[in-house]
Amino acid sequence: MLDNASIHHGKLFKGRRDDLEAIGVHLLYLPPRSPELNRIECVWRSVKYQDMPVRAYTSTQELHTAVDRAMTQRATALTTTADLLKTA
């Protein structure tokens, strides 16, 4: 499943689609403007609005650190939830 990111429609990617089909990889595009169907969009929304309350960073490194911290927190929360569900 692919979203409609520009990289998924670029020449380089399109040039490899036949190769992928030849080895049994079938590509399906999500409908335009359908973030609810792309699971990572739900994660990004949570990270953006819950785990990264600061909206501006003074350097790329600050932003990188904030994203890394937020993704680690989200992964820990998801892992903890999954572990709780296993024991229930």
N, C-alpha and C. Protein backbone atom coordinates (compact mmCIF):
# COMPACT_ATOMS: atom_id res chain seq x y z
N MET A 1 0.84 -1.17 0.00
CA MET A 1 0.00 0.00 0.00
C MET A 1 0.88 1.23 0.00
N LEU A 2 0.57 2.14 -0.87
CA LEU A 2 1.33 3.37 -0.97
C LEU A 2 0.40 4.56 -0.80
N ASP A 3 0.91 5.58 -0.13
CA ASP A 3 0.13 6.81 -0.10
C ASP A 3 0.49 7.58 -1.37
N ASN A 4 0.07 8.79 -1.46
CA ASN A 4 0.29 9.54 -2.69
C ASN A 4 1.45 10.53 -2.57
N ALA A 5 2.45 10.16 -1.77
CA ALA A 5 3.64 11.00 -1.66
C ALA A 5 4.28 11.13 -3.04
N SER A 6 4.88 12.27 -3.29
CA SER A 6 5.46 12.52 -4.61
C SER A 6 6.51 11.48 -4.99
N ILE A 7 7.23 10.97 -4.01
CA ILE A 7 8.26 9.96 -4.31
C ILE A 7 7.64 8.69 -4.91
N HIS A 8 6.40 8.40 -4.57
CA HIS A 8 5.73 7.21 -5.09
C HIS A 8 5.22 7.39 -6.51
N HIS A 9 5.32 8.60 -7.03
CA HIS A 9 4.88 8.88 -8.39
C HIS A 9 6.03 9.38 -9.27
N GLY A 10 7.22 9.43 -8.72
CA GLY A 10 8.38 9.94 -9.45
C GLY A 10 8.89 8.98 -10.51
N LYS A 11 9.71 9.50 -11.43
CA LYS A 11 10.24 8.70 -12.53
C LYS A 11 11.03 7.50 -12.03
N LEU A 12 11.87 7.72 -11.03
CA LEU A 12 12.71 6.63 -10.53
C LEU A 12 11.87 5.48 -10.00
N PHE A 13 10.83 5.81 -9.26
CA PHE A 13 9.96 4.78 -8.70
C PHE A 13 9.15 4.10 -9.80
N LYS A 14 8.57 4.90 -10.67
CA LYS A 14 7.76 4.33 -11.76
C LYS A 14 8.58 3.41 -12.64
N GLY A 15 9.86 3.72 -12.81
CA GLY A 15 10.74 2.89 -13.62
C GLY A 15 10.98 1.51 -13.02
N ARG A 16 10.73 1.35 -11.73
CA ARG A 16 10.95 0.07 -11.06
C ARG A 16 9.67 -0.73 -10.85
N ARG A 17 8.53 -0.16 -11.17
CA ARG A 17 7.27 -0.85 -10.92
C ARG A 17 7.15 -2.17 -11.67
N ASP A 18 7.60 -2.21 -12.91
CA ASP A 18 7.54 -3.45 -13.68
C ASP A 18 8.43 -4.52 -13.05
N ASP A 19 9.60 -4.09 -12.56
CA ASP A 19 10.51 -5.03 -11.89
C ASP A 19 9.84 -5.62 -10.64
N LEU A 20 9.15 -4.78 -9.90
CA LEU A 20 8.47 -5.25 -8.70
C LEU A 20 7.34 -6.22 -9.05
N GLU A 21 6.57 -5.87 -10.06
CA GLU A 21 5.49 -6.75 -10.51
C GLU A 21 6.04 -8.12 -10.92
N ALA A 22 7.20 -8.12 -11.58
CA ALA A 22 7.81 -9.36 -12.05
C ALA A 22 8.17 -10.31 -10.92
N ILE A 23 8.44 -9.76 -9.74
CA ILE A 23 8.78 -10.62 -8.60
C ILE A 23 7.59 -10.82 -7.66
N GLY A 24 6.41 -10.41 -8.11
CA GLY A 24 5.20 -10.67 -7.34
C GLY A 24 4.79 -9.60 -6.36
N VAL A 25 5.38 -8.42 -6.48
CA VAL A 25 5.00 -7.31 -5.60
C VAL A 25 3.92 -6.51 -6.31
N HIS A 26 2.76 -6.43 -5.71
CA HIS A 26 1.64 -5.70 -6.30
C HIS A 26 1.43 -4.41 -5.50
N LEU A 27 1.46 -3.30 -6.19
CA LEU A 27 1.34 -2.01 -5.53
C LEU A 27 -0.08 -1.49 -5.62
N LEU A 28 -0.58 -1.02 -4.51
CA LEU A 28 -1.90 -0.41 -4.45
C LEU A 28 -1.77 0.97 -3.83
N TYR A 29 -2.39 1.94 -4.44
CA TYR A 29 -2.36 3.30 -3.93
C TYR A 29 -3.59 3.57 -3.08
N LEU A 30 -3.38 4.25 -1.97
CA LEU A 30 -4.51 4.71 -1.16
C LEU A 30 -5.21 5.83 -1.92
N PRO A 31 -6.50 6.02 -1.67
CA PRO A 31 -7.20 7.14 -2.31
C PRO A 31 -6.58 8.47 -1.85
N PRO A 32 -6.63 9.49 -2.71
CA PRO A 32 -6.13 10.81 -2.30
C PRO A 32 -6.87 11.32 -1.06
N ARG A 33 -6.16 12.06 -0.26
CA ARG A 33 -6.72 12.69 0.95
C ARG A 33 -7.45 11.68 1.84
N SER A 34 -6.75 10.59 2.18
CA SER A 34 -7.35 9.59 3.05
C SER A 34 -6.37 9.17 4.16
N PRO A 35 -5.94 10.13 4.97
CA PRO A 35 -4.95 9.80 6.00
C PRO A 35 -5.44 8.76 7.00
N GLU A 36 -6.75 8.64 7.15
CA GLU A 36 -7.29 7.66 8.10
C GLU A 36 -7.01 6.22 7.67
N LEU A 37 -6.69 6.03 6.40
CA LEU A 37 -6.39 4.69 5.90
C LEU A 37 -4.89 4.36 5.98
N ASN A 38 -4.08 5.34 6.30
CA ASN A 38 -2.64 5.15 6.38
C ASN A 38 -2.27 5.13 7.86
N ARG A 39 -1.93 3.95 8.38
CA ARG A 39 -1.72 3.78 9.82
C ARG A 39 -0.65 4.71 10.38
N ILE A 40 0.38 5.00 9.62
CA ILE A 40 1.44 5.87 10.15
C ILE A 40 0.92 7.28 10.36
N GLU A 41 -0.09 7.71 9.60
CA GLU A 41 -0.64 9.05 9.78
C GLU A 41 -1.25 9.21 11.17
N CYS A 42 -1.88 8.17 11.67
CA CYS A 42 -2.45 8.22 13.03
C CYS A 42 -1.34 8.36 14.06
N VAL A 43 -0.25 7.64 13.85
CA VAL A 43 0.89 7.75 14.77
C VAL A 43 1.48 9.15 14.70
N TRP A 44 1.70 9.64 13.47
CA TRP A 44 2.27 10.99 13.33
C TRP A 44 1.38 12.04 13.97
N ARG A 45 0.07 11.91 13.83
CA ARG A 45 -0.84 12.88 14.44
C ARG A 45 -0.67 12.89 15.96
N SER A 46 -0.59 11.71 16.56
CA SER A 46 -0.39 11.62 18.01
C SER A 46 0.95 12.21 18.41
N VAL A 47 1.98 11.88 17.67
CA VAL A 47 3.31 12.41 17.98
C VAL A 47 3.30 13.93 17.87
N LYS A 48 2.74 14.43 16.80
CA LYS A 48 2.75 15.87 16.55
C LYS A 48 1.99 16.66 17.60
N TYR A 49 0.81 16.20 17.96
CA TYR A 49 -0.04 17.00 18.85
C TYR A 49 0.05 16.62 20.32
N GLN A 50 0.51 15.41 20.63
CA GLN A 50 0.58 15.00 22.03
C GLN A 50 2.01 14.92 22.55
N ASP A 51 2.91 14.39 21.75
CA ASP A 51 4.26 14.12 22.23
C ASP A 51 5.26 15.23 21.90
N MET A 52 4.88 16.16 21.05
CA MET A 52 5.76 17.27 20.69
C MET A 52 5.02 18.60 20.86
N PRO A 53 4.81 19.02 22.09
CA PRO A 53 4.04 20.24 22.32
C PRO A 53 4.74 21.51 21.82
N VAL A 54 6.06 21.50 21.73
CA VAL A 54 6.78 22.66 21.21
C VAL A 54 6.57 22.71 19.70
N ARG A 55 6.21 23.85 19.17
CA ARG A 55 5.87 23.96 17.75
C ARG A 55 6.99 24.55 16.89
N ALA A 56 8.06 25.06 17.51
CA ALA A 56 9.15 25.66 16.73
C ALA A 56 10.48 25.27 17.35
N TYR A 57 11.46 25.05 16.50
CA TYR A 57 12.79 24.65 16.94
C TYR A 57 13.81 25.57 16.29
N THR A 58 14.90 25.83 17.00
CA THR A 58 15.89 26.77 16.49
C THR A 58 16.93 26.12 15.60
N SER A 59 16.96 24.79 15.57
CA SER A 59 17.93 24.12 14.70
C SER A 59 17.36 22.78 14.24
N THR A 60 17.95 22.28 13.18
CA THR A 60 17.56 20.97 12.67
C THR A 60 17.84 19.90 13.71
N GLN A 61 18.96 20.04 14.41
CA GLN A 61 19.32 19.06 15.45
C GLN A 61 18.29 19.04 16.57
N GLU A 62 17.80 20.21 16.98
CA GLU A 62 16.75 20.27 18.00
C GLU A 62 15.50 19.55 17.54
N LEU A 63 15.10 19.78 16.30
CA LEU A 63 13.93 19.11 15.74
C LEU A 63 14.15 17.61 15.69
N HIS A 64 15.31 17.19 15.24
CA HIS A 64 15.64 15.76 15.16
C HIS A 64 15.56 15.12 16.54
N THR A 65 16.12 15.77 17.52
CA THR A 65 16.09 15.24 18.89
C THR A 65 14.66 15.14 19.41
N ALA A 66 13.85 16.17 19.14
CA ALA A 66 12.46 16.17 19.60
C ALA A 66 11.66 15.05 18.93
N VAL A 67 11.84 14.86 17.63
CA VAL A 67 11.12 13.80 16.91
C VAL A 67 11.57 12.43 17.44
N ASP A 68 12.87 12.25 17.62
CA ASP A 68 13.39 10.99 18.12
C ASP A 68 12.83 10.68 19.51
N ARG A 69 12.81 11.67 20.37
CA ARG A 69 12.27 11.49 21.73
C ARG A 69 10.78 11.14 21.67
N ALA A 70 10.04 11.86 20.85
CA ALA A 70 8.59 11.63 20.74
C ALA A 70 8.29 10.26 20.17
N MET A 71 9.04 9.84 19.16
CA MET A 71 8.81 8.52 18.57
C MET A 71 9.16 7.41 19.57
N THR A 72 10.20 7.62 20.35
CA THR A 72 10.58 6.64 21.38
C THR A 72 9.48 6.54 22.43
N GLN A 73 8.93 7.69 22.85
CA GLN A 73 7.83 7.67 23.81
C GLN A 73 6.62 6.94 23.24
N ARG A 74 6.30 7.21 21.99
CA ARG A 74 5.14 6.58 21.37
C ARG A 74 5.37 5.07 21.25
N ALA A 75 6.56 4.65 20.85
CA ALA A 75 6.87 3.22 20.74
C ALA A 75 6.77 2.54 22.10
N THR A 76 7.26 3.20 23.13
CA THR A 76 7.18 2.64 24.48
C THR A 76 5.73 2.49 24.91
N ALA A 77 4.93 3.50 24.63
CA ALA A 77 3.51 3.45 24.99
C ALA A 77 2.80 2.32 24.25
N LEU A 78 3.08 2.17 22.97
CA LEU A 78 2.45 1.11 22.19
C LEU A 78 2.90 -0.27 22.66
N THR A 79 4.18 -0.41 22.99
CA THR A 79 4.71 -1.69 23.48
C THR A 79 4.09 -2.04 24.82
N THR A 80 3.99 -1.05 25.70
CA THR A 80 3.39 -1.28 27.01
C THR A 80 1.94 -1.71 26.87
N THR A 81 1.20 -1.05 26.00
CA THR A 81 -0.19 -1.40 25.76
C THR A 81 -0.30 -2.82 25.22
N ALA A 82 0.55 -3.17 24.28
CA ALA A 82 0.53 -4.52 23.71
C ALA A 82 0.85 -5.56 24.78
N ASP A 83 1.81 -5.26 25.65
CA ASP A 83 2.16 -6.20 26.73
C ASP A 83 0.99 -6.36 27.70
N LEU A 84 0.31 -5.27 28.00
CA LEU A 84 -0.85 -5.36 28.89
C LEU A 84 -1.96 -6.20 28.28
N LEU A 85 -2.17 -6.06 26.98
CA LEU A 85 -3.21 -6.83 26.31
C LEU A 85 -2.88 -8.32 26.30
N LYS A 86 -1.60 -8.67 26.22
CA LYS A 86 -1.19 -10.07 26.23
C LYS A 86 -1.47 -10.73 27.56
N THR A 87 -1.33 -9.97 28.65
CA THR A 87 -1.50 -10.55 29.98
C THR A 87 -2.95 -10.53 30.43
N ALA A 88 -3.79 -9.82 29.71
CA ALA A 88 -5.19 -9.71 30.12
C ALA A 88 -5.98 -10.96 29.76
